[in-house]
Protein backbone atom coordinates (compact mmCIF):
# COMPACT_ATOMS: atom_id res chain seq x y z
CA MET A 1 0.00 0.00 0.00
CA SER A 2 1.55 3.28 -1.06
CA ILE A 3 1.15 6.70 0.50
CA CYS A 4 0.98 8.82 -2.65
CA PRO A 5 -1.31 11.75 -3.34
CA LYS A 6 -4.33 10.75 -5.43
CA ASN A 7 -4.31 13.95 -7.50
CA LYS A 8 -1.77 16.61 -8.38
CA SER A 9 -1.89 19.71 -6.19
CA SER A 10 -1.96 22.90 -8.23
CA LYS A 11 0.75 25.52 -7.78
CA GLY A 12 -1.77 27.96 -6.36
CA HIS A 13 -3.00 25.49 -3.75
CA ARG A 14 0.56 24.54 -2.84
CA ASP A 15 1.70 28.16 -2.54
CA ALA A 16 -1.37 29.17 -0.54
CA ARG A 17 -0.56 26.43 1.97
CA ARG A 18 3.08 27.50 2.20
CA ALA A 19 2.16 31.19 2.59
CA ASN A 20 0.87 30.58 6.13
CA TRP A 21 4.28 29.44 7.42
CA LYS A 22 5.92 32.48 8.95
CA MET A 23 7.92 33.49 11.96
CA ASP A 24 6.22 35.09 14.95
CA THR A 25 7.50 38.17 16.68
CA MET A 26 9.64 37.58 19.74
CA ASN A 27 7.83 37.73 23.08
CA LEU A 28 9.64 40.61 24.78
CA ILE A 29 8.81 41.64 28.35
CA LYS A 30 10.20 44.31 30.66
CA CYS A 31 12.72 43.22 33.25
CA PRO A 32 11.18 43.77 36.71
CA LYS A 33 14.48 45.11 38.09
CA CYS A 34 15.94 47.37 35.38
CA GLY A 35 13.03 47.75 32.93
CA GLU A 36 15.08 46.62 29.91
CA LEU A 37 13.26 44.59 27.24
CA MET A 38 14.21 40.90 27.42
CA LEU A 39 13.00 37.48 26.31
CA SER A 40 10.68 35.81 28.80
CA HIS A 41 12.09 32.94 30.88
CA ARG A 42 15.67 34.11 30.20
CA VAL A 43 18.32 35.89 32.26
CA CYS A 44 18.29 39.65 31.66
CA LYS A 45 21.40 40.62 29.69
CA ASN A 46 21.45 44.10 31.20
CA CYS A 47 21.33 43.39 34.95
CA GLY A 48 21.84 39.60 35.11
CA THR A 49 18.70 38.76 37.10
CA TYR A 50 16.14 36.01 36.63
CA ASN A 51 12.98 35.58 38.70
CA LYS A 52 14.05 38.51 40.92
CA LYS A 53 17.34 36.74 41.82
CA GLU A 54 20.80 37.80 40.69
CA ILE A 55 22.23 35.04 38.50
CA LEU A 56 25.10 36.78 36.69
CA ALA A 57 27.42 39.23 38.34
CA THR A 58 27.52 42.45 36.30
CA ASP A 59 30.15 45.15 36.55
């Protein structure tokens, strides 16, 4: 038993399906300590805190 398409998909149908694949915008939030925009669930690159705890020592 083969898993082949029964009929040929037209170029328009194929391209319309592929047109919906796109990247989303990054989910940026404000750091609660310094207010810098950062990715959620990541250490803040500006102040080095995560979940209100200092993770990285910054100079």
